[in-house]
C-alpha cells in the first residue's frame, strides 16, 4: 500500500513538473535587454524592473508571480571566471558545494554554481553564472566577465528550477556593444 502511495506521489510530482515546464514554454516570452550592456535574456512578458539605484550597471528584474529574480552586470577582474565565482559566492555568504561547473550558454563557455544562501535574510537558492567575454577593452590586463544571478525563495526552488534554467540558457551576449568605463562594476 505504501509503495503504491509513494509511486502515486512520485507520478504526480513528475506530471506537475512537466506541467510547470510546459507552462513556462507556453507563456509569451519577451527579450529583456540590459539598458547599458550587451547582454539579454528571454523570460515571460509580465516581468517588472527593480531599479538598482546604487549602481546603474546592474540590471535587476523579477517575476511578480513566482518571485524569481534575475540580476545582470559586467565587471573586469584579473581573476578567471571560476575564481571570480568562488570569491563572489564567499562575499555573498552563499554555500557552494564543490567547484564551479563549466557549462555552455548559447554556444559560449560559462561557469556555473547552483547554491543556497540568503538575500535580505531570506533563504534563497541561486543559479550564479559567469560568461567570460575576452579581455577588457578599458583595462587590457583584466578579464571581461558578464555575471548572471537568478534566485528564488528556497522553498520554491524545486518547482521553479526548470524555469530558472530555461532563463539562464536563454542569456545571450550581443556583439559590438562595449560597456563604457563608467558602467564597469569594480566592486570585487
N, C-alpha and C. Protein backbone atom coordinates (compact mmCIF):
# COMPACT_ATOMS: atom_id res chain seq x y z
N UNK A 1 0.83 -1.19 0.00
CA UNK A 1 0.00 0.00 0.00
C UNK A 1 0.87 1.26 0.00
N UNK A 2 1.91 1.25 0.89
CA UNK A 2 2.78 2.42 0.95
C UNK A 2 3.53 2.62 -0.35
N UNK A 3 3.98 1.50 -0.98
CA UNK A 3 4.69 1.61 -2.25
C UNK A 3 3.80 2.24 -3.32
N UNK A 4 2.53 1.86 -3.33
CA UNK A 4 1.59 2.42 -4.31
C UNK A 4 1.41 3.92 -4.07
N UNK A 5 1.32 4.31 -2.79
CA UNK A 5 1.16 5.73 -2.48
C UNK A 5 2.41 6.51 -2.89
N UNK A 6 3.59 5.96 -2.59
CA UNK A 6 4.84 6.63 -2.95
C UNK A 6 4.93 6.77 -4.47
N UNK A 7 4.63 5.68 -5.19
CA UNK A 7 4.66 5.74 -6.66
C UNK A 7 3.65 6.75 -7.18
N UNK A 8 2.48 6.80 -6.54
CA UNK A 8 1.44 7.75 -6.95
C UNK A 8 1.90 9.19 -6.76
N UNK A 9 2.51 9.47 -5.59
CA UNK A 9 3.02 10.82 -5.33
C UNK A 9 4.16 11.16 -6.27
N UNK A 10 5.03 10.19 -6.54
CA UNK A 10 6.13 10.41 -7.47
C UNK A 10 5.59 10.73 -8.86
N UNK A 11 4.60 9.97 -9.30
CA UNK A 11 3.99 10.21 -10.61
C UNK A 11 3.33 11.59 -10.66
N UNK A 12 2.62 11.96 -9.59
CA UNK A 12 2.01 13.30 -9.53
C UNK A 12 3.08 14.39 -9.59
N UNK A 13 4.19 14.18 -8.89
CA UNK A 13 5.29 15.14 -8.92
C UNK A 13 5.87 15.31 -10.31
N UNK A 14 6.06 14.20 -11.00
CA UNK A 14 6.59 14.25 -12.37
C UNK A 14 5.62 14.98 -13.29
N UNK A 15 4.34 14.65 -13.18
CA UNK A 15 3.33 15.31 -14.01
C UNK A 15 3.29 16.81 -13.70
N UNK A 16 3.34 17.17 -12.42
CA UNK A 16 3.32 18.59 -12.05
C UNK A 16 4.54 19.31 -12.60
N UNK A 17 5.73 18.70 -12.52
CA UNK A 17 6.93 19.37 -13.03
C UNK A 17 6.87 19.51 -14.55
N UNK A 18 6.34 18.51 -15.25
CA UNK A 18 6.17 18.62 -16.70
C UNK A 18 5.18 19.73 -17.04
N UNK A 19 4.13 19.85 -16.24
CA UNK A 19 3.16 20.93 -16.46
C UNK A 19 3.83 22.29 -16.28
N UNK A 20 4.65 22.42 -15.25
CA UNK A 20 5.33 23.69 -15.00
C UNK A 20 6.26 24.03 -16.16
N UNK A 21 7.06 23.07 -16.60
CA UNK A 21 7.97 23.32 -17.72
C UNK A 21 7.18 23.67 -18.97
N UNK A 22 6.12 22.92 -19.26
CA UNK A 22 5.31 23.22 -20.43
C UNK A 22 4.62 24.57 -20.29
N UNK A 23 4.15 24.90 -19.09
CA UNK A 23 3.51 26.19 -18.86
C UNK A 23 4.51 27.32 -19.11
N UNK A 24 5.75 27.14 -18.65
CA UNK A 24 6.78 28.16 -18.87
C UNK A 24 7.05 28.31 -20.36
N UNK A 25 7.03 27.20 -21.10
CA UNK A 25 7.27 27.25 -22.54
C UNK A 25 6.09 27.87 -23.29
N UNK A 26 4.88 27.72 -22.77
CA UNK A 26 3.69 28.23 -23.45
C UNK A 26 3.55 29.73 -23.26
N UNK A 27 3.97 30.26 -22.12
CA UNK A 27 3.84 31.68 -21.86
C UNK A 27 4.54 32.50 -22.94
N UNK A 28 3.96 33.64 -23.24
CA UNK A 28 4.59 34.54 -24.20
C UNK A 28 5.91 35.03 -23.62
N UNK A 29 6.98 34.88 -24.40
CA UNK A 29 8.29 35.30 -23.94
C UNK A 29 8.64 36.67 -24.50
N UNK A 30 9.45 37.36 -23.75
CA UNK A 30 9.92 38.68 -24.14
C UNK A 30 11.43 38.70 -23.97
N UNK A 31 12.11 39.46 -24.82
CA UNK A 31 13.55 39.64 -24.67
C UNK A 31 13.77 40.84 -23.75
N UNK A 32 14.51 40.63 -22.69
CA UNK A 32 14.87 41.70 -21.76
C UNK A 32 16.34 42.04 -22.00
N UNK A 33 16.62 43.30 -22.31
CA UNK A 33 17.99 43.74 -22.61
C UNK A 33 18.48 44.65 -21.50
N UNK A 34 19.71 44.42 -21.10
CA UNK A 34 20.34 45.33 -20.15
C UNK A 34 20.39 46.70 -20.82
N UNK A 35 19.98 47.77 -20.12
CA UNK A 35 19.93 49.09 -20.76
C UNK A 35 21.28 49.66 -21.18
N UNK A 36 22.38 49.19 -20.58
CA UNK A 36 23.70 49.76 -20.89
C UNK A 36 24.71 48.76 -21.43
N UNK A 37 24.44 47.48 -21.24
CA UNK A 37 25.42 46.46 -21.60
C UNK A 37 24.91 45.57 -22.72
N UNK A 38 25.80 44.77 -23.26
CA UNK A 38 25.46 43.89 -24.39
C UNK A 38 25.04 42.50 -23.92
N UNK A 39 24.06 42.44 -23.05
CA UNK A 39 23.57 41.15 -22.54
C UNK A 39 22.05 41.19 -22.47
N UNK A 40 21.44 40.07 -22.82
CA UNK A 40 19.98 39.98 -22.82
C UNK A 40 19.56 38.55 -22.51
N UNK A 41 18.28 38.37 -22.20
CA UNK A 41 17.73 37.03 -21.94
C UNK A 41 16.24 37.05 -22.23
N UNK A 42 15.65 35.86 -22.27
CA UNK A 42 14.22 35.72 -22.50
C UNK A 42 13.53 35.24 -21.23
N UNK A 43 12.35 35.82 -20.98
CA UNK A 43 11.52 35.41 -19.85
C UNK A 43 10.08 35.80 -20.18
N UNK A 44 9.13 35.31 -19.39
CA UNK A 44 7.74 35.70 -19.64
C UNK A 44 7.56 37.22 -19.66
N UNK A 45 6.55 37.67 -20.37
CA UNK A 45 6.37 39.10 -20.65
C UNK A 45 5.90 39.93 -19.47
N UNK A 46 5.53 39.34 -18.37
CA UNK A 46 4.98 40.11 -17.26
C UNK A 46 6.01 40.56 -16.22
N UNK A 47 7.29 40.41 -16.50
CA UNK A 47 8.30 40.74 -15.50
C UNK A 47 8.40 42.24 -15.29
N UNK A 48 8.88 42.62 -14.10
CA UNK A 48 8.99 44.04 -13.74
C UNK A 48 10.43 44.37 -13.37
N UNK A 49 10.82 45.61 -13.67
CA UNK A 49 12.17 46.05 -13.33
C UNK A 49 12.21 46.49 -11.88
N UNK A 50 13.30 46.17 -11.22
CA UNK A 50 13.57 46.62 -9.86
C UNK A 50 14.78 47.54 -9.95
N UNK A 51 14.57 48.86 -10.04
CA UNK A 51 15.70 49.78 -10.26
C UNK A 51 16.77 49.62 -9.18
N UNK A 52 17.98 49.52 -9.62
CA UNK A 52 19.12 49.35 -8.72
C UNK A 52 19.83 50.70 -8.67
N UNK A 53 19.44 51.53 -7.73
CA UNK A 53 19.87 52.93 -7.70
C UNK A 53 21.35 53.11 -7.35
N UNK A 54 21.92 52.18 -6.61
CA UNK A 54 23.32 52.34 -6.20
C UNK A 54 24.28 52.17 -7.35
N UNK A 55 23.92 51.37 -8.34
CA UNK A 55 24.84 51.10 -9.45
C UNK A 55 24.01 50.87 -10.71
N UNK A 56 24.06 51.83 -11.63
CA UNK A 56 23.24 51.76 -12.85
C UNK A 56 23.69 50.66 -13.80
N UNK A 57 24.87 50.07 -13.57
CA UNK A 57 25.31 48.99 -14.46
C UNK A 57 24.65 47.66 -14.10
N UNK A 58 23.99 47.61 -12.94
CA UNK A 58 23.30 46.39 -12.52
C UNK A 58 21.84 46.48 -12.95
N UNK A 59 21.39 45.45 -13.63
CA UNK A 59 20.02 45.38 -14.13
C UNK A 59 19.32 44.25 -13.40
N UNK A 60 18.27 44.58 -12.65
CA UNK A 60 17.52 43.56 -11.91
C UNK A 60 16.06 43.61 -12.31
N UNK A 61 15.51 42.46 -12.66
CA UNK A 61 14.07 42.36 -12.88
C UNK A 61 13.58 41.12 -12.15
N UNK A 62 12.25 41.07 -11.95
CA UNK A 62 11.70 39.94 -11.20
C UNK A 62 10.33 39.57 -11.76
N UNK A 63 9.95 38.35 -11.47
CA UNK A 63 8.65 37.83 -11.85
C UNK A 63 7.71 38.02 -10.66
N UNK A 64 6.73 38.90 -10.76
CA UNK A 64 5.85 39.14 -9.61
C UNK A 64 4.99 37.93 -9.24
N UNK A 65 4.82 36.98 -10.18
CA UNK A 65 4.00 35.80 -9.90
C UNK A 65 4.75 34.73 -9.13
N UNK A 66 6.05 34.57 -9.37
CA UNK A 66 6.80 33.48 -8.74
C UNK A 66 7.93 33.93 -7.83
N UNK A 67 8.24 35.20 -7.83
CA UNK A 67 9.34 35.74 -7.02
C UNK A 67 10.71 35.26 -7.50
N UNK A 68 10.83 34.94 -8.80
CA UNK A 68 12.15 34.70 -9.39
C UNK A 68 12.76 36.07 -9.68
N UNK A 69 14.01 36.25 -9.31
CA UNK A 69 14.74 37.48 -9.60
C UNK A 69 15.92 37.14 -10.51
N UNK A 70 16.26 38.08 -11.37
CA UNK A 70 17.47 37.94 -12.17
C UNK A 70 18.21 39.27 -12.12
N UNK A 71 19.52 39.16 -12.00
CA UNK A 71 20.39 40.33 -11.95
C UNK A 71 21.51 40.11 -12.96
N UNK A 72 21.78 41.11 -13.77
CA UNK A 72 22.84 41.05 -14.77
C UNK A 72 23.79 42.22 -14.56
N UNK A 73 25.08 41.96 -14.72
CA UNK A 73 26.04 43.05 -14.74
C UNK A 73 27.33 42.59 -15.38
N UNK A 74 28.27 43.49 -15.47
CA UNK A 74 29.55 43.28 -16.14
C UNK A 74 30.64 43.74 -15.19
N UNK A 75 31.75 43.05 -15.21
CA UNK A 75 32.89 43.50 -14.42
C UNK A 75 34.17 43.13 -15.14
N UNK A 76 35.25 43.76 -14.74
CA UNK A 76 36.57 43.35 -15.20
C UNK A 76 37.38 42.99 -13.97
N UNK A 77 38.21 41.98 -14.10
CA UNK A 77 38.98 41.49 -12.97
C UNK A 77 40.19 40.72 -13.49
N UNK A 78 41.22 40.64 -12.68
CA UNK A 78 42.37 39.82 -13.05
C UNK A 78 42.08 38.34 -12.83
N UNK A 79 40.99 38.02 -12.13
CA UNK A 79 40.63 36.63 -11.87
C UNK A 79 39.98 36.01 -13.11
N UNK A 80 40.04 34.68 -13.17
CA UNK A 80 39.30 33.98 -14.23
C UNK A 80 37.87 33.74 -13.74
N UNK A 81 37.02 33.22 -14.61
CA UNK A 81 35.62 33.00 -14.28
C UNK A 81 35.37 32.17 -13.04
N UNK A 82 35.98 30.98 -12.92
CA UNK A 82 35.72 30.15 -11.74
C UNK A 82 36.19 30.82 -10.44
N UNK A 83 37.35 31.46 -10.47
CA UNK A 83 37.86 32.12 -9.26
C UNK A 83 36.95 33.27 -8.85
N UNK A 84 36.47 34.02 -9.84
CA UNK A 84 35.56 35.12 -9.55
C UNK A 84 34.27 34.60 -8.91
N UNK A 85 33.72 33.51 -9.45
CA UNK A 85 32.50 32.93 -8.88
C UNK A 85 32.72 32.49 -7.43
N UNK A 86 33.85 31.84 -7.17
CA UNK A 86 34.14 31.39 -5.81
C UNK A 86 34.23 32.58 -4.86
N UNK A 87 34.91 33.64 -5.28
CA UNK A 87 35.05 34.83 -4.44
C UNK A 87 33.69 35.49 -4.22
N UNK A 88 32.90 35.59 -5.29
CA UNK A 88 31.59 36.21 -5.18
C UNK A 88 30.68 35.40 -4.26
N UNK A 89 30.69 34.09 -4.39
CA UNK A 89 29.87 33.23 -3.52
C UNK A 89 30.26 33.44 -2.06
N UNK A 90 31.56 33.54 -1.80
CA UNK A 90 32.04 33.77 -0.44
C UNK A 90 31.57 35.13 0.08
N UNK A 91 31.70 36.17 -0.74
CA UNK A 91 31.30 37.51 -0.32
C UNK A 91 29.79 37.61 -0.07
N UNK A 92 29.01 36.82 -0.78
CA UNK A 92 27.55 36.85 -0.62
C UNK A 92 27.06 35.84 0.41
N UNK A 93 27.99 35.20 1.13
CA UNK A 93 27.65 34.19 2.13
C UNK A 93 26.82 33.05 1.55
N UNK A 94 27.11 32.69 0.30
CA UNK A 94 26.48 31.53 -0.31
C UNK A 94 27.27 30.29 0.09
N UNK A 95 26.67 29.13 0.00
CA UNK A 95 27.30 27.91 0.47
C UNK A 95 27.46 26.93 -0.69
N UNK A 96 28.47 27.14 -1.54
CA UNK A 96 28.64 26.24 -2.68
C UNK A 96 29.12 24.86 -2.24
N UNK A 97 28.71 23.88 -3.02
CA UNK A 97 29.17 22.51 -2.78
C UNK A 97 30.11 22.17 -3.92
N UNK A 98 31.40 22.29 -3.68
CA UNK A 98 32.38 21.99 -4.72
C UNK A 98 32.78 23.21 -5.52
N UNK A 99 33.37 22.95 -6.65
CA UNK A 99 33.89 24.00 -7.54
C UNK A 99 32.84 24.38 -8.57
N UNK A 100 32.98 25.57 -9.18
CA UNK A 100 32.05 25.94 -10.27
C UNK A 100 32.13 24.93 -11.41
N UNK A 101 30.99 24.70 -12.02
CA UNK A 101 30.86 23.74 -13.12
C UNK A 101 30.96 24.49 -14.45
N UNK A 102 31.70 23.92 -15.40
CA UNK A 102 31.79 24.53 -16.73
C UNK A 102 30.58 24.08 -17.55
N UNK A 103 29.87 25.05 -18.14
CA UNK A 103 28.69 24.76 -18.95
C UNK A 103 28.76 25.57 -20.24
N UNK A 104 27.82 25.34 -21.12
CA UNK A 104 27.66 26.13 -22.34
C UNK A 104 26.34 26.89 -22.25
N UNK A 105 26.39 28.18 -22.55
CA UNK A 105 25.19 29.00 -22.65
C UNK A 105 25.19 29.61 -24.04
N UNK A 106 24.29 29.15 -24.87
CA UNK A 106 24.19 29.62 -26.26
C UNK A 106 25.53 29.56 -26.99
N UNK A 107 26.23 28.45 -26.81
CA UNK A 107 27.49 28.23 -27.52
C UNK A 107 28.70 28.89 -26.89
N UNK A 108 28.54 29.56 -25.78
CA UNK A 108 29.67 30.21 -25.11
C UNK A 108 30.01 29.45 -23.84
N UNK A 109 31.31 29.35 -23.56
CA UNK A 109 31.73 28.75 -22.29
C UNK A 109 31.27 29.65 -21.15
N UNK A 110 30.85 29.03 -20.07
CA UNK A 110 30.42 29.75 -18.88
C UNK A 110 30.77 28.91 -17.66
N UNK A 111 30.76 29.55 -16.51
CA UNK A 111 30.99 28.86 -15.24
C UNK A 111 29.76 29.06 -14.40
N UNK A 112 29.40 28.03 -13.61
CA UNK A 112 28.08 27.97 -13.01
C UNK A 112 28.13 27.39 -11.60
N UNK A 113 27.33 27.97 -10.72
CA UNK A 113 27.07 27.44 -9.38
C UNK A 113 25.56 27.35 -9.19
N UNK A 114 25.10 26.35 -8.49
CA UNK A 114 23.73 26.23 -8.02
C UNK A 114 23.87 26.17 -6.51
N UNK A 115 23.60 27.28 -5.82
CA UNK A 115 23.97 27.39 -4.41
C UNK A 115 22.84 27.92 -3.53
N UNK A 116 22.77 27.43 -2.29
CA UNK A 116 21.85 28.01 -1.32
C UNK A 116 22.51 29.22 -0.65
N UNK A 117 21.68 30.07 -0.09
CA UNK A 117 22.20 31.23 0.63
C UNK A 117 21.07 32.09 1.15
N UNK A 118 21.39 33.35 1.42
CA UNK A 118 20.42 34.30 1.95
C UNK A 118 20.54 35.62 1.20
N UNK A 119 19.41 36.26 0.94
CA UNK A 119 19.37 37.63 0.42
C UNK A 119 18.37 38.36 1.30
N UNK A 120 18.82 39.46 1.90
CA UNK A 120 17.97 40.23 2.82
C UNK A 120 17.36 39.32 3.90
N UNK A 121 18.18 38.42 4.42
CA UNK A 121 17.82 37.49 5.50
C UNK A 121 16.75 36.48 5.09
N UNK A 122 16.49 36.34 3.79
CA UNK A 122 15.53 35.34 3.30
C UNK A 122 16.31 34.18 2.69
N UNK A 123 15.89 32.96 3.01
CA UNK A 123 16.50 31.76 2.42
C UNK A 123 16.22 31.73 0.93
N UNK A 124 17.28 31.59 0.13
CA UNK A 124 17.11 31.54 -1.32
C UNK A 124 17.94 30.39 -1.89
N UNK A 125 17.67 30.09 -3.13
CA UNK A 125 18.52 29.19 -3.91
C UNK A 125 18.88 29.96 -5.16
N UNK A 126 20.17 30.01 -5.49
CA UNK A 126 20.64 30.86 -6.57
C UNK A 126 21.37 30.07 -7.64
N UNK A 127 21.07 30.41 -8.89
CA UNK A 127 21.88 29.98 -10.02
C UNK A 127 22.79 31.16 -10.31
N UNK A 128 24.08 30.95 -10.21
CA UNK A 128 25.07 32.01 -10.36
C UNK A 128 25.99 31.62 -11.50
N UNK A 129 26.13 32.49 -12.49
CA UNK A 129 26.94 32.14 -13.66
C UNK A 129 27.79 33.32 -14.10
N UNK A 130 28.92 32.99 -14.71
CA UNK A 130 29.84 33.97 -15.30
C UNK A 130 30.09 33.55 -16.73
N UNK A 131 29.93 34.50 -17.65
CA UNK A 131 30.27 34.26 -19.06
C UNK A 131 31.47 35.13 -19.39
N UNK A 132 32.66 34.54 -19.57
CA UNK A 132 33.83 35.33 -19.95
C UNK A 132 33.63 35.96 -21.33
N UNK A 133 34.14 37.18 -21.49
CA UNK A 133 33.99 37.89 -22.76
C UNK A 133 35.33 38.48 -23.19
N UNK A 134 36.38 37.66 -23.09
CA UNK A 134 37.70 38.10 -23.54
C UNK A 134 38.36 39.05 -22.57
N UNK A 135 39.28 39.83 -23.09
CA UNK A 135 39.99 40.83 -22.28
C UNK A 135 39.20 42.13 -22.28
N UNK A 136 39.33 42.88 -21.21
CA UNK A 136 38.67 44.17 -21.10
C UNK A 136 39.27 45.15 -22.10
N UNK A 137 38.41 45.91 -22.77
CA UNK A 137 38.89 46.95 -23.69
C UNK A 137 39.43 48.14 -22.91
N UNK A 138 38.85 48.38 -21.75
CA UNK A 138 39.26 49.52 -20.92
C UNK A 138 40.49 49.19 -20.07
N UNK A 139 40.56 47.96 -19.56
CA UNK A 139 41.66 47.52 -18.71
C UNK A 139 42.25 46.26 -19.33
N UNK A 140 43.17 46.38 -20.29
CA UNK A 140 43.65 45.22 -21.08
C UNK A 140 44.25 44.07 -20.27
N UNK A 141 44.73 44.31 -19.04
CA UNK A 141 45.28 43.22 -18.23
C UNK A 141 44.17 42.37 -17.60
N UNK A 142 42.95 42.87 -17.64
CA UNK A 142 41.87 42.21 -16.91
C UNK A 142 40.92 41.46 -17.85
N UNK A 143 40.26 40.47 -17.26
CA UNK A 143 39.26 39.69 -17.98
C UNK A 143 37.90 40.38 -17.90
N UNK A 144 37.17 40.37 -18.99
CA UNK A 144 35.81 40.91 -19.02
C UNK A 144 34.84 39.76 -18.70
N UNK A 145 33.96 39.99 -17.75
CA UNK A 145 33.02 38.95 -17.32
C UNK A 145 31.60 39.49 -17.25
N UNK A 146 30.66 38.76 -17.81
CA UNK A 146 29.24 39.05 -17.64
C UNK A 146 28.73 38.15 -16.52
N UNK A 147 28.03 38.73 -15.57
CA UNK A 147 27.56 37.99 -14.39
C UNK A 147 26.05 37.85 -14.47
N UNK A 148 25.57 36.65 -14.15
CA UNK A 148 24.13 36.37 -14.12
C UNK A 148 23.80 35.75 -12.78
N UNK A 149 22.86 36.35 -12.07
CA UNK A 149 22.33 35.78 -10.82
C UNK A 149 20.84 35.55 -11.03
N UNK A 150 20.38 34.35 -10.77
CA UNK A 150 18.95 34.06 -10.81
C UNK A 150 18.62 33.37 -9.49
N UNK A 151 17.65 33.91 -8.76
CA UNK A 151 17.33 33.29 -7.48
C UNK A 151 15.83 33.34 -7.21
N UNK A 152 15.44 32.49 -6.26
CA UNK A 152 14.05 32.43 -5.80
C UNK A 152 14.07 31.95 -4.35
N UNK A 153 12.94 32.07 -3.65
CA UNK A 153 12.88 31.52 -2.30
C UNK A 153 13.21 30.02 -2.33
N UNK A 154 13.99 29.59 -1.35
CA UNK A 154 14.46 28.20 -1.33
C UNK A 154 13.32 27.19 -1.36
N UNK A 155 12.22 27.49 -0.68
CA UNK A 155 11.12 26.52 -0.64
C UNK A 155 10.41 26.38 -1.99
N UNK A 156 10.63 27.30 -2.92
CA UNK A 156 10.02 27.21 -4.25
C UNK A 156 11.00 26.68 -5.30
N UNK A 157 12.24 26.44 -4.91
CA UNK A 157 13.27 26.12 -5.90
C UNK A 157 12.97 24.84 -6.69
N UNK A 158 12.56 23.79 -6.02
CA UNK A 158 12.30 22.53 -6.73
C UNK A 158 11.27 22.74 -7.84
N UNK A 159 10.28 23.56 -7.57
CA UNK A 159 9.24 23.85 -8.55
C UNK A 159 9.74 24.79 -9.65
N UNK A 160 10.57 25.77 -9.30
CA UNK A 160 10.96 26.82 -10.25
C UNK A 160 12.28 26.57 -10.97
N UNK A 161 13.05 25.57 -10.53
CA UNK A 161 14.36 25.33 -11.15
C UNK A 161 14.28 25.14 -12.67
N UNK A 162 13.33 24.37 -13.21
CA UNK A 162 13.30 24.23 -14.68
C UNK A 162 13.12 25.57 -15.39
N UNK A 163 12.26 26.42 -14.86
CA UNK A 163 12.03 27.74 -15.45
C UNK A 163 13.29 28.61 -15.34
N UNK A 164 13.97 28.53 -14.20
CA UNK A 164 15.19 29.31 -13.99
C UNK A 164 16.29 28.85 -14.95
N UNK A 165 16.38 27.54 -15.17
CA UNK A 165 17.39 27.02 -16.11
C UNK A 165 17.08 27.46 -17.54
N UNK A 166 15.80 27.49 -17.91
CA UNK A 166 15.43 27.98 -19.24
C UNK A 166 15.87 29.44 -19.41
N UNK A 167 15.67 30.24 -18.38
CA UNK A 167 16.08 31.64 -18.44
C UNK A 167 17.59 31.73 -18.56
N UNK A 168 18.31 30.99 -17.72
CA UNK A 168 19.78 31.02 -17.78
C UNK A 168 20.27 30.63 -19.16
N UNK A 169 19.70 29.59 -19.73
CA UNK A 169 20.14 29.13 -21.05
C UNK A 169 19.71 30.04 -22.19
N UNK A 170 18.87 31.03 -21.90
CA UNK A 170 18.48 32.00 -22.93
C UNK A 170 19.39 33.23 -22.95
N UNK A 171 20.28 33.35 -21.96
CA UNK A 171 21.15 34.53 -21.88
C UNK A 171 22.03 34.59 -23.12
N UNK A 172 22.14 35.79 -23.65
CA UNK A 172 22.93 35.99 -24.87
C UNK A 172 23.74 37.27 -24.75
N UNK A 173 24.99 37.17 -25.17
CA UNK A 173 25.85 38.35 -25.27
C UNK A 173 25.73 38.82 -26.71
N UNK A 174 25.29 40.06 -26.88
CA UNK A 174 25.18 40.61 -28.23
C UNK A 174 26.51 41.26 -28.59
N UNK A 175 26.82 41.29 -29.85
CA UNK A 175 28.13 41.75 -30.30
C UNK A 175 28.21 43.27 -30.43
N UNK A 176 29.45 43.76 -30.44
CA UNK A 176 29.77 45.15 -30.77
C UNK A 176 29.14 46.18 -29.85
N UNK A 177 28.93 45.85 -28.62
CA UNK A 177 28.41 46.83 -27.67
C UNK A 177 29.34 46.81 -26.47
N UNK A 178 30.33 47.67 -26.48
CA UNK A 178 31.34 47.71 -25.43
C UNK A 178 30.84 48.60 -24.30
N UNK A 179 30.82 48.10 -23.07
CA UNK A 179 30.39 48.94 -21.96
C UNK A 179 31.35 50.11 -21.74
N UNK A 180 30.80 51.23 -21.36
CA UNK A 180 31.63 52.39 -21.03
C UNK A 180 32.35 52.11 -19.73
N UNK A 181 33.51 52.73 -19.54
CA UNK A 181 34.28 52.52 -18.32
C UNK A 181 33.45 52.89 -17.09
N UNK A 182 32.56 53.87 -17.22
CA UNK A 182 31.75 54.30 -16.08
C UNK A 182 30.71 53.26 -15.68
N UNK A 183 30.41 52.29 -16.56
CA UNK A 183 29.41 51.27 -16.21
C UNK A 183 30.04 50.00 -15.69
N UNK A 184 31.36 49.92 -15.66
CA UNK A 184 32.02 48.70 -15.21
C UNK A 184 31.92 48.61 -13.70
N UNK A 185 31.44 47.48 -13.21
CA UNK A 185 31.31 47.25 -11.77
C UNK A 185 32.66 46.76 -11.25
N UNK A 186 33.31 47.56 -10.45
CA UNK A 186 34.62 47.20 -9.90
C UNK A 186 34.51 46.81 -8.43
N UNK A 187 33.35 46.33 -8.01
CA UNK A 187 33.12 46.01 -6.60
C UNK A 187 33.98 44.87 -6.11
N UNK A 188 34.26 43.88 -6.95
CA UNK A 188 35.04 42.73 -6.48
C UNK A 188 36.49 42.90 -6.84
